[in-house]
Amino acid sequence: MDFEKRLEDAIARGQRRGSREVQEAQQQALSEEELRRMHSQFRLELSEYIERGLKKLPDYFPGFRFETVAGDRGWGAAVSRDNVTRESVSRGRQSGSLFSRLEMTIRPFSAAHVLELTAKGTISNKEVYNRTHFQRLWEAHPATFCEMIDLWILEYAEQYAAKS
């Protein structure tokens, strides 16, 4: 082959490689956008499920206050209450309150491409658990997360009932 033919072939290969790299970058961007969309869909579904579950606790344990959680920690809900101890009432002190709280959130989208559920439970100023459950977004099943949410709420309720 003469030089001009090889030059034309080299230019054609370069153009094909360039267009292939552009296509791969577009597919990568679409994949990233698709993962963001999936995370957003799961987050909405699961944060509503968390809210429905935690809203039931004040019915069984009067005094708990429900609150929606939305921010840099994630989206979900929490219930909390302050109990005044008998010793502080009899001594006239204000500092004898016992704090109880259960917070569950779905963490924001991250470069790790995972769907992450976090829960932190405190009963009478003592942390009873601090948990995380996660799955890769493309493998995530909301039903698995719903079961985990139910399990953690039930476990908290059982522990709270045992200590109150």
N, C-alpha and C. Protein backbone atom coordinates (compact mmCIF):
# COMPACT_ATOMS: atom_id res chain seq x y z
N MET A 1 0.84 -1.18 0.00
CA MET A 1 0.00 0.00 0.00
C MET A 1 0.88 1.24 0.00
N ASP A 2 0.40 2.23 -0.67
CA ASP A 2 1.17 3.46 -0.66
C ASP A 2 0.81 4.30 0.56
N PHE A 3 1.60 5.29 0.81
CA PHE A 3 1.47 6.11 2.01
C PHE A 3 0.10 6.79 2.10
N GLU A 4 -0.39 7.34 1.02
CA GLU A 4 -1.67 8.06 1.04
C GLU A 4 -2.82 7.14 1.43
N LYS A 5 -2.81 5.93 0.95
CA LYS A 5 -3.87 4.97 1.29
C LYS A 5 -3.80 4.64 2.79
N ARG A 6 -2.59 4.42 3.31
CA ARG A 6 -2.43 4.13 4.74
C ARG A 6 -2.86 5.32 5.57
N LEU A 7 -2.56 6.52 5.10
CA LEU A 7 -2.96 7.74 5.81
C LEU A 7 -4.48 7.86 5.87
N GLU A 8 -5.15 7.60 4.76
CA GLU A 8 -6.61 7.65 4.72
C GLU A 8 -7.21 6.60 5.66
N ASP A 9 -6.62 5.40 5.67
CA ASP A 9 -7.10 4.34 6.57
C ASP A 9 -6.92 4.74 8.04
N ALA A 10 -5.78 5.34 8.35
CA ALA A 10 -5.51 5.78 9.72
C ALA A 10 -6.51 6.85 10.14
N ILE A 11 -6.80 7.77 9.26
CA ILE A 11 -7.78 8.83 9.57
C ILE A 11 -9.16 8.23 9.77
N ALA A 12 -9.55 7.28 8.92
CA ALA A 12 -10.86 6.63 9.05
C ALA A 12 -10.96 5.86 10.38
N ARG A 13 -9.89 5.15 10.76
CA ARG A 13 -9.89 4.44 12.05
C ARG A 13 -10.02 5.42 13.20
N GLY A 14 -9.32 6.53 13.13
CA GLY A 14 -9.40 7.55 14.17
C GLY A 14 -10.79 8.13 14.30
N GLN A 15 -11.43 8.39 13.17
CA GLN A 15 -12.79 8.92 13.20
C GLN A 15 -13.76 7.91 13.80
N ARG A 16 -13.62 6.62 13.43
CA ARG A 16 -14.49 5.59 14.00
C ARG A 16 -14.28 5.49 15.51
N ARG A 17 -13.01 5.53 15.94
CA ARG A 17 -12.72 5.45 17.37
C ARG A 17 -13.30 6.67 18.10
N GLY A 18 -13.15 7.84 17.49
CA GLY A 18 -13.70 9.05 18.10
C GLY A 18 -15.21 8.99 18.26
N SER A 19 -15.89 8.54 17.20
CA SER A 19 -17.35 8.45 17.29
C SER A 19 -17.76 7.35 18.28
N ARG A 20 -16.97 6.27 18.35
CA ARG A 20 -17.26 5.21 19.31
C ARG A 20 -17.08 5.74 20.75
N GLU A 21 -16.06 6.54 21.00
CA GLU A 21 -15.85 7.11 22.33
C GLU A 21 -16.97 8.08 22.71
N VAL A 22 -17.45 8.84 21.72
CA VAL A 22 -18.58 9.75 21.97
C VAL A 22 -19.83 8.95 22.32
N GLN A 23 -20.07 7.87 21.58
CA GLN A 23 -21.23 7.02 21.87
C GLN A 23 -21.12 6.39 23.25
N GLU A 24 -19.93 5.92 23.62
CA GLU A 24 -19.74 5.33 24.95
C GLU A 24 -19.96 6.36 26.04
N ALA A 25 -19.49 7.59 25.81
CA ALA A 25 -19.70 8.65 26.80
C ALA A 25 -21.19 8.97 26.93
N GLN A 26 -21.90 8.98 25.80
CA GLN A 26 -23.34 9.22 25.85
C GLN A 26 -24.05 8.09 26.58
N GLN A 27 -23.65 6.85 26.33
CA GLN A 27 -24.25 5.72 27.03
C GLN A 27 -23.95 5.79 28.52
N GLN A 28 -22.74 6.18 28.88
CA GLN A 28 -22.37 6.31 30.28
C GLN A 28 -23.23 7.39 30.94
N ALA A 29 -23.41 8.52 30.27
CA ALA A 29 -24.24 9.59 30.81
C ALA A 29 -25.69 9.13 30.95
N LEU A 30 -26.18 8.40 29.96
CA LEU A 30 -27.53 7.89 30.05
C LEU A 30 -27.64 6.89 31.21
N SER A 31 -26.63 6.06 31.37
CA SER A 31 -26.65 5.11 32.47
C SER A 31 -26.67 5.83 33.81
N GLU A 32 -25.86 6.86 33.94
CA GLU A 32 -25.81 7.64 35.18
C GLU A 32 -27.17 8.29 35.43
N GLU A 33 -27.76 8.85 34.38
CA GLU A 33 -29.07 9.49 34.51
C GLU A 33 -30.14 8.45 34.85
N GLU A 34 -30.05 7.28 34.24
CA GLU A 34 -31.00 6.21 34.53
C GLU A 34 -30.87 5.76 36.00
N LEU A 35 -29.63 5.67 36.49
CA LEU A 35 -29.42 5.29 37.89
C LEU A 35 -29.99 6.36 38.83
N ARG A 36 -29.80 7.61 38.50
CA ARG A 36 -30.39 8.70 39.31
C ARG A 36 -31.91 8.59 39.34
N ARG A 37 -32.50 8.31 38.17
CA ARG A 37 -33.95 8.18 38.09
C ARG A 37 -34.43 7.00 38.93
N MET A 38 -33.72 5.88 38.84
CA MET A 38 -34.09 4.70 39.63
C MET A 38 -34.00 5.01 41.12
N HIS A 39 -32.92 5.67 41.52
CA HIS A 39 -32.74 6.01 42.93
C HIS A 39 -33.87 6.92 43.41
N SER A 40 -34.21 7.90 42.61
CA SER A 40 -35.28 8.83 42.97
C SER A 40 -36.61 8.09 43.13
N GLN A 41 -36.89 7.18 42.21
CA GLN A 41 -38.14 6.40 42.28
C GLN A 41 -38.17 5.54 43.55
N PHE A 42 -37.08 4.83 43.83
CA PHE A 42 -37.00 4.00 45.03
C PHE A 42 -37.10 4.87 46.29
N ARG A 43 -36.40 6.01 46.28
CA ARG A 43 -36.40 6.90 47.45
C ARG A 43 -37.81 7.37 47.77
N LEU A 44 -38.55 7.77 46.77
CA LEU A 44 -39.93 8.23 47.00
C LEU A 44 -40.79 7.11 47.58
N GLU A 45 -40.73 5.95 46.97
CA GLU A 45 -41.53 4.81 47.42
C GLU A 45 -41.17 4.41 48.85
N LEU A 46 -39.89 4.30 49.13
CA LEU A 46 -39.47 3.81 50.45
C LEU A 46 -39.61 4.86 51.54
N SER A 47 -39.40 6.13 51.22
CA SER A 47 -39.58 7.16 52.26
C SER A 47 -41.05 7.26 52.66
N GLU A 48 -41.96 7.07 51.72
CA GLU A 48 -43.39 7.04 52.05
C GLU A 48 -43.71 5.82 52.91
N TYR A 49 -43.08 4.69 52.61
CA TYR A 49 -43.29 3.48 53.40
C TYR A 49 -42.78 3.67 54.82
N ILE A 50 -41.62 4.30 54.96
CA ILE A 50 -41.08 4.61 56.29
C ILE A 50 -42.05 5.49 57.06
N GLU A 51 -42.56 6.53 56.42
CA GLU A 51 -43.50 7.44 57.08
C GLU A 51 -44.74 6.69 57.56
N ARG A 52 -45.31 5.84 56.71
CA ARG A 52 -46.51 5.10 57.10
C ARG A 52 -46.23 4.21 58.32
N GLY A 53 -45.07 3.57 58.34
CA GLY A 53 -44.74 2.69 59.46
C GLY A 53 -44.50 3.44 60.75
N LEU A 54 -43.72 4.51 60.68
CA LEU A 54 -43.39 5.26 61.90
C LEU A 54 -44.57 6.06 62.44
N LYS A 55 -45.51 6.44 61.58
CA LYS A 55 -46.69 7.16 62.05
C LYS A 55 -47.55 6.30 62.98
N LYS A 56 -47.39 4.99 62.91
CA LYS A 56 -48.19 4.10 63.76
C LYS A 56 -47.66 4.00 65.18
N LEU A 57 -46.38 4.26 65.40
CA LEU A 57 -45.81 4.12 66.74
C LEU A 57 -46.47 5.03 67.78
N PRO A 58 -46.76 6.30 67.48
CA PRO A 58 -47.42 7.14 68.49
C PRO A 58 -48.80 6.63 68.91
N ASP A 59 -49.44 5.82 68.07
CA ASP A 59 -50.73 5.24 68.46
C ASP A 59 -50.56 4.23 69.60
N TYR A 60 -49.43 3.57 69.63
CA TYR A 60 -49.17 2.56 70.65
C TYR A 60 -48.35 3.10 71.82
N PHE A 61 -47.57 4.12 71.57
CA PHE A 61 -46.75 4.74 72.61
C PHE A 61 -47.05 6.24 72.63
N PRO A 62 -48.10 6.65 73.35
CA PRO A 62 -48.45 8.08 73.40
C PRO A 62 -47.26 8.91 73.88
N GLY A 63 -47.15 10.08 73.33
CA GLY A 63 -46.06 10.97 73.69
C GLY A 63 -45.00 11.07 72.60
N PHE A 64 -44.96 10.09 71.72
CA PHE A 64 -44.01 10.18 70.61
C PHE A 64 -44.51 11.22 69.62
N ARG A 65 -43.59 12.00 69.10
CA ARG A 65 -43.89 13.00 68.07
C ARG A 65 -43.31 12.51 66.75
N PHE A 66 -44.10 12.62 65.70
CA PHE A 66 -43.68 12.21 64.36
C PHE A 66 -43.10 13.42 63.63
N GLU A 67 -42.06 13.19 62.85
CA GLU A 67 -41.52 14.25 62.00
C GLU A 67 -40.98 13.65 60.71
N THR A 68 -41.14 14.41 59.64
CA THR A 68 -40.59 14.02 58.35
C THR A 68 -39.14 14.47 58.30
N VAL A 69 -38.28 13.62 57.75
CA VAL A 69 -36.86 13.96 57.61
C VAL A 69 -36.56 14.11 56.13
N ALA A 70 -35.99 15.26 55.77
CA ALA A 70 -35.59 15.50 54.38
C ALA A 70 -34.41 16.45 54.40
N GLY A 71 -33.34 16.03 53.80
CA GLY A 71 -32.15 16.89 53.78
C GLY A 71 -30.92 16.13 53.35
N ASP A 72 -29.76 16.63 53.77
CA ASP A 72 -28.51 16.03 53.34
C ASP A 72 -28.27 14.65 53.94
N ARG A 73 -28.96 14.31 55.04
CA ARG A 73 -28.85 12.97 55.62
C ARG A 73 -29.68 11.96 54.85
N GLY A 74 -30.69 12.43 54.15
CA GLY A 74 -31.55 11.54 53.40
C GLY A 74 -33.00 11.92 53.56
N TRP A 75 -33.90 11.02 53.14
CA TRP A 75 -35.34 11.25 53.19
C TRP A 75 -35.97 10.10 53.95
N GLY A 76 -36.89 10.43 54.83
CA GLY A 76 -37.57 9.41 55.62
C GLY A 76 -38.39 10.06 56.70
N ALA A 77 -38.29 9.49 57.92
CA ALA A 77 -39.09 10.00 59.03
C ALA A 77 -38.43 9.61 60.35
N ALA A 78 -38.97 10.22 61.41
CA ALA A 78 -38.49 9.92 62.75
C ALA A 78 -39.64 10.10 63.74
N VAL A 79 -39.54 9.38 64.85
CA VAL A 79 -40.43 9.59 65.99
C VAL A 79 -39.53 9.79 67.20
N SER A 80 -39.97 10.67 68.11
CA SER A 80 -39.15 10.91 69.30
C SER A 80 -40.03 11.35 70.46
N ARG A 81 -39.47 11.20 71.66
CA ARG A 81 -40.16 11.66 72.86
C ARG A 81 -39.15 11.88 73.96
N ASP A 82 -39.51 12.77 74.87
CA ASP A 82 -38.73 13.04 76.08
C ASP A 82 -39.55 12.57 77.26
N ASN A 83 -38.97 11.74 78.10
CA ASN A 83 -39.62 11.29 79.33
C ASN A 83 -38.92 11.93 80.51
N VAL A 84 -39.67 12.41 81.44
CA VAL A 84 -39.10 12.96 82.66
C VAL A 84 -39.02 11.82 83.67
N THR A 85 -37.87 11.66 84.28
CA THR A 85 -37.70 10.58 85.25
C THR A 85 -38.35 10.94 86.58
N ARG A 86 -38.74 9.92 87.34
CA ARG A 86 -39.37 10.14 88.65
C ARG A 86 -38.43 10.84 89.62
N GLU A 87 -37.15 10.49 89.54
CA GLU A 87 -36.18 11.10 90.44
C GLU A 87 -36.08 12.60 90.23
N SER A 88 -36.13 13.03 88.96
CA SER A 88 -36.02 14.46 88.68
C SER A 88 -37.27 15.21 89.14
N VAL A 89 -38.43 14.55 89.07
CA VAL A 89 -39.66 15.19 89.52
C VAL A 89 -39.64 15.33 91.04
N SER A 90 -39.24 14.28 91.73
CA SER A 90 -39.23 14.33 93.20
C SER A 90 -38.18 15.29 93.72
N ARG A 91 -37.10 15.49 92.98
CA ARG A 91 -36.05 16.42 93.41
C ARG A 91 -36.23 17.81 92.82
N GLY A 92 -37.20 17.97 91.95
CA GLY A 92 -37.47 19.27 91.36
C GLY A 92 -36.45 19.68 90.30
N ARG A 93 -35.76 18.72 89.71
CA ARG A 93 -34.75 19.03 88.69
C ARG A 93 -35.36 18.93 87.30
N GLN A 94 -34.82 19.70 86.39
CA GLN A 94 -35.27 19.67 85.01
C GLN A 94 -34.38 18.76 84.15
N SER A 95 -33.18 18.43 84.64
CA SER A 95 -32.20 17.74 83.81
C SER A 95 -32.41 16.23 83.72
N GLY A 96 -33.44 15.70 84.36
CA GLY A 96 -33.61 14.26 84.37
C GLY A 96 -34.51 13.73 83.30
N SER A 97 -34.37 14.21 82.08
CA SER A 97 -35.23 13.70 81.02
C SER A 97 -34.51 12.59 80.26
N LEU A 98 -35.29 11.64 79.79
CA LEU A 98 -34.77 10.52 79.01
C LEU A 98 -35.30 10.65 77.59
N PHE A 99 -34.39 10.65 76.65
CA PHE A 99 -34.72 10.88 75.25
C PHE A 99 -34.81 9.55 74.51
N SER A 100 -35.86 9.37 73.72
CA SER A 100 -36.03 8.18 72.87
C SER A 100 -36.36 8.65 71.46
N ARG A 101 -35.75 7.97 70.47
CA ARG A 101 -35.95 8.39 69.08
C ARG A 101 -35.66 7.22 68.16
N LEU A 102 -36.44 7.13 67.09
CA LEU A 102 -36.17 6.20 66.00
C LEU A 102 -36.23 7.01 64.71
N GLU A 103 -35.14 6.99 63.97
CA GLU A 103 -35.06 7.70 62.69
C GLU A 103 -34.64 6.73 61.60
N MET A 104 -35.36 6.77 60.49
CA MET A 104 -35.05 5.92 59.34
C MET A 104 -35.03 6.79 58.09
N THR A 105 -33.98 6.63 57.29
CA THR A 105 -33.85 7.44 56.08
C THR A 105 -33.30 6.62 54.93
N ILE A 106 -33.61 7.08 53.73
CA ILE A 106 -32.98 6.61 52.51
C ILE A 106 -31.93 7.66 52.15
N ARG A 107 -30.69 7.23 52.08
CA ARG A 107 -29.58 8.16 51.84
C ARG A 107 -29.65 8.73 50.41
N PRO A 108 -29.09 9.93 50.21
CA PRO A 108 -29.09 10.54 48.88
C PRO A 108 -28.28 9.72 47.87
N PHE A 109 -28.51 9.99 46.61
CA PHE A 109 -27.78 9.33 45.52
C PHE A 109 -26.29 9.64 45.66
N SER A 110 -25.47 8.64 45.40
CA SER A 110 -24.02 8.84 45.48
C SER A 110 -23.33 8.14 44.32
N ALA A 111 -22.06 8.40 44.17
CA ALA A 111 -21.27 7.80 43.10
C ALA A 111 -21.14 6.28 43.28
N ALA A 112 -21.44 5.77 44.47
CA ALA A 112 -21.38 4.33 44.71
C ALA A 112 -22.53 3.59 44.03
N HIS A 113 -23.56 4.31 43.60
CA HIS A 113 -24.72 3.74 42.91
C HIS A 113 -25.40 2.66 43.74
N VAL A 114 -25.66 2.98 45.00
CA VAL A 114 -26.36 2.04 45.88
C VAL A 114 -27.61 2.70 46.43
N LEU A 115 -28.56 1.87 46.79
CA LEU A 115 -29.75 2.30 47.51
C LEU A 115 -29.47 1.94 48.97
N GLU A 116 -29.47 2.94 49.84
CA GLU A 116 -29.03 2.73 51.22
C GLU A 116 -30.09 3.19 52.22
N LEU A 117 -30.46 2.29 53.11
CA LEU A 117 -31.40 2.55 54.20
C LEU A 117 -30.61 2.63 55.49
N THR A 118 -30.84 3.68 56.27
CA THR A 118 -30.18 3.80 57.57
C THR A 118 -31.24 3.93 58.65
N ALA A 119 -30.92 3.43 59.84
CA ALA A 119 -31.82 3.54 60.97
C ALA A 119 -31.00 3.71 62.24
N LYS A 120 -31.47 4.59 63.09
CA LYS A 120 -30.81 4.80 64.37
C LYS A 120 -31.89 4.84 65.44
N GLY A 121 -31.77 3.95 66.41
CA GLY A 121 -32.75 3.87 67.49
C GLY A 121 -32.10 4.18 68.83
N THR A 122 -32.75 5.05 69.59
CA THR A 122 -32.29 5.41 70.93
C THR A 122 -33.46 5.26 71.88
N ILE A 123 -33.20 4.61 73.02
CA ILE A 123 -34.23 4.45 74.05
C ILE A 123 -33.63 4.89 75.39
N SER A 124 -34.28 5.84 76.03
CA SER A 124 -33.85 6.35 77.33
C SER A 124 -32.37 6.73 77.32
N ASN A 125 -32.00 7.55 76.37
CA ASN A 125 -30.65 8.09 76.21
C ASN A 125 -29.60 7.06 75.82
N LYS A 126 -30.00 5.85 75.48
CA LYS A 126 -29.05 4.81 75.09
C LYS A 126 -29.33 4.37 73.66
N GLU A 127 -28.29 4.37 72.86
CA GLU A 127 -28.44 3.92 71.48
C GLU A 127 -28.62 2.41 71.49
N VAL A 128 -29.74 1.95 70.93
CA VAL A 128 -30.01 0.51 70.90
C VAL A 128 -29.60 -0.10 69.56
N TYR A 129 -29.60 0.69 68.52
CA TYR A 129 -29.02 0.24 67.26
C TYR A 129 -28.76 1.39 66.31
N ASN A 130 -27.80 1.14 65.43
CA ASN A 130 -27.43 2.07 64.37
C ASN A 130 -27.10 1.18 63.17
N ARG A 131 -28.02 1.12 62.22
CA ARG A 131 -27.92 0.12 61.15
C ARG A 131 -27.97 0.73 59.77
N THR A 132 -27.40 -0.03 58.86
CA THR A 132 -27.42 0.34 57.45
C THR A 132 -27.67 -0.92 56.63
N HIS A 133 -28.52 -0.78 55.62
CA HIS A 133 -28.76 -1.86 54.67
C HIS A 133 -28.68 -1.24 53.28
N PHE A 134 -27.92 -1.86 52.40
CA PHE A 134 -27.82 -1.31 51.05
C PHE A 134 -27.72 -2.41 50.01
N GLN A 135 -28.09 -2.03 48.79
CA GLN A 135 -27.97 -2.89 47.62
C GLN A 135 -27.60 -2.01 46.43
N ARG A 136 -26.92 -2.59 45.45
CA ARG A 136 -26.64 -1.85 44.23
C ARG A 136 -27.97 -1.49 43.57
N LEU A 137 -28.01 -0.32 42.99
CA LEU A 137 -29.28 0.16 42.42
C LEU A 137 -29.86 -0.81 41.40
N TRP A 138 -29.03 -1.36 40.55
CA TRP A 138 -29.55 -2.25 39.49
C TRP A 138 -29.95 -3.61 40.04
N GLU A 139 -29.63 -3.89 41.31
CA GLU A 139 -30.04 -5.15 41.94
C GLU A 139 -31.08 -4.94 43.03
N ALA A 140 -31.42 -3.70 43.32
CA ALA A 140 -32.28 -3.37 44.46
C ALA A 140 -33.72 -3.82 44.23
N HIS A 141 -34.32 -4.34 45.30
CA HIS A 141 -35.72 -4.72 45.30
C HIS A 141 -36.41 -4.00 46.45
N PRO A 142 -37.36 -3.12 46.15
CA PRO A 142 -38.03 -2.38 47.22
C PRO A 142 -38.67 -3.29 48.27
N ALA A 143 -39.14 -4.46 47.88
CA ALA A 143 -39.77 -5.37 48.84
C ALA A 143 -38.78 -5.78 49.93
N THR A 144 -37.54 -5.97 49.58
CA THR A 144 -36.51 -6.32 50.57
C THR A 144 -36.34 -5.18 51.57
N PHE A 145 -36.33 -3.95 51.07
CA PHE A 145 -36.18 -2.80 51.95
C PHE A 145 -37.42 -2.62 52.84
N CYS A 146 -38.59 -2.87 52.28
CA CYS A 146 -39.82 -2.77 53.09
C CYS A 146 -39.80 -3.78 54.22
N GLU A 147 -39.34 -4.99 53.95
CA GLU A 147 -39.23 -6.00 55.01
C GLU A 147 -38.25 -5.55 56.09
N MET A 148 -37.14 -4.96 55.68
CA MET A 148 -36.14 -4.47 56.63
C MET A 148 -36.72 -3.33 57.47
N ILE A 149 -37.44 -2.43 56.85
CA ILE A 149 -38.07 -1.32 57.56
C ILE A 149 -39.04 -1.86 58.61
N ASP A 150 -39.90 -2.80 58.20
CA ASP A 150 -40.84 -3.40 59.15
C ASP A 150 -40.11 -4.07 60.31
N LEU A 151 -39.09 -4.83 59.99
CA LEU A 151 -38.33 -5.54 61.01
C LEU A 151 -37.70 -4.59 62.02
N TRP A 152 -37.10 -3.51 61.54
CA TRP A 152 -36.43 -2.57 62.44
C TRP A 152 -37.45 -1.80 63.29
N ILE A 153 -38.60 -1.45 62.73
CA ILE A 153 -39.63 -0.77 63.52
C ILE A 153 -40.17 -1.71 64.59
N LEU A 154 -40.44 -2.96 64.22
CA LEU A 154 -40.94 -3.93 65.20
C LEU A 154 -39.92 -4.19 66.31
N GLU A 155 -38.66 -4.29 65.94
CA GLU A 155 -37.62 -4.51 66.94
C GLU A 155 -37.53 -3.33 67.91
N TYR A 156 -37.61 -2.12 67.38
CA TYR A 156 -37.57 -0.93 68.23
C TYR A 156 -38.78 -0.92 69.17
N ALA A 157 -39.95 -1.20 68.64
CA ALA A 157 -41.17 -1.19 69.47
C ALA A 157 -41.05 -2.23 70.59
N GLU A 158 -40.53 -3.38 70.28
CA GLU A 158 -40.38 -4.42 71.30
C GLU A 158 -39.39 -3.98 72.38
N GLN A 159 -38.27 -3.42 71.97
CA GLN A 159 -37.28 -2.96 72.95
C GLN A 159 -37.81 -1.80 73.79
N TYR A 160 -38.54 -0.88 73.14
CA TYR A 160 -39.10 0.25 73.88
C TYR A 160 -40.13 -0.24 74.90
N ALA A 161 -40.99 -1.17 74.50
CA ALA A 161 -42.00 -1.71 75.41
C ALA A 161 -41.35 -2.42 76.58
N ALA A 162 -40.26 -3.09 76.36
CA ALA A 162 -39.57 -3.82 77.44
C ALA A 162 -38.94 -2.86 78.44
N LYS A 163 -38.55 -1.67 77.99
CA LYS A 163 -37.85 -0.72 78.88
C LYS A 163 -38.77 0.33 79.47
N SER A 164 -40.02 0.35 79.07
CA SER A 164 -40.91 1.40 79.61
C SER A 164 -41.89 0.83 80.63
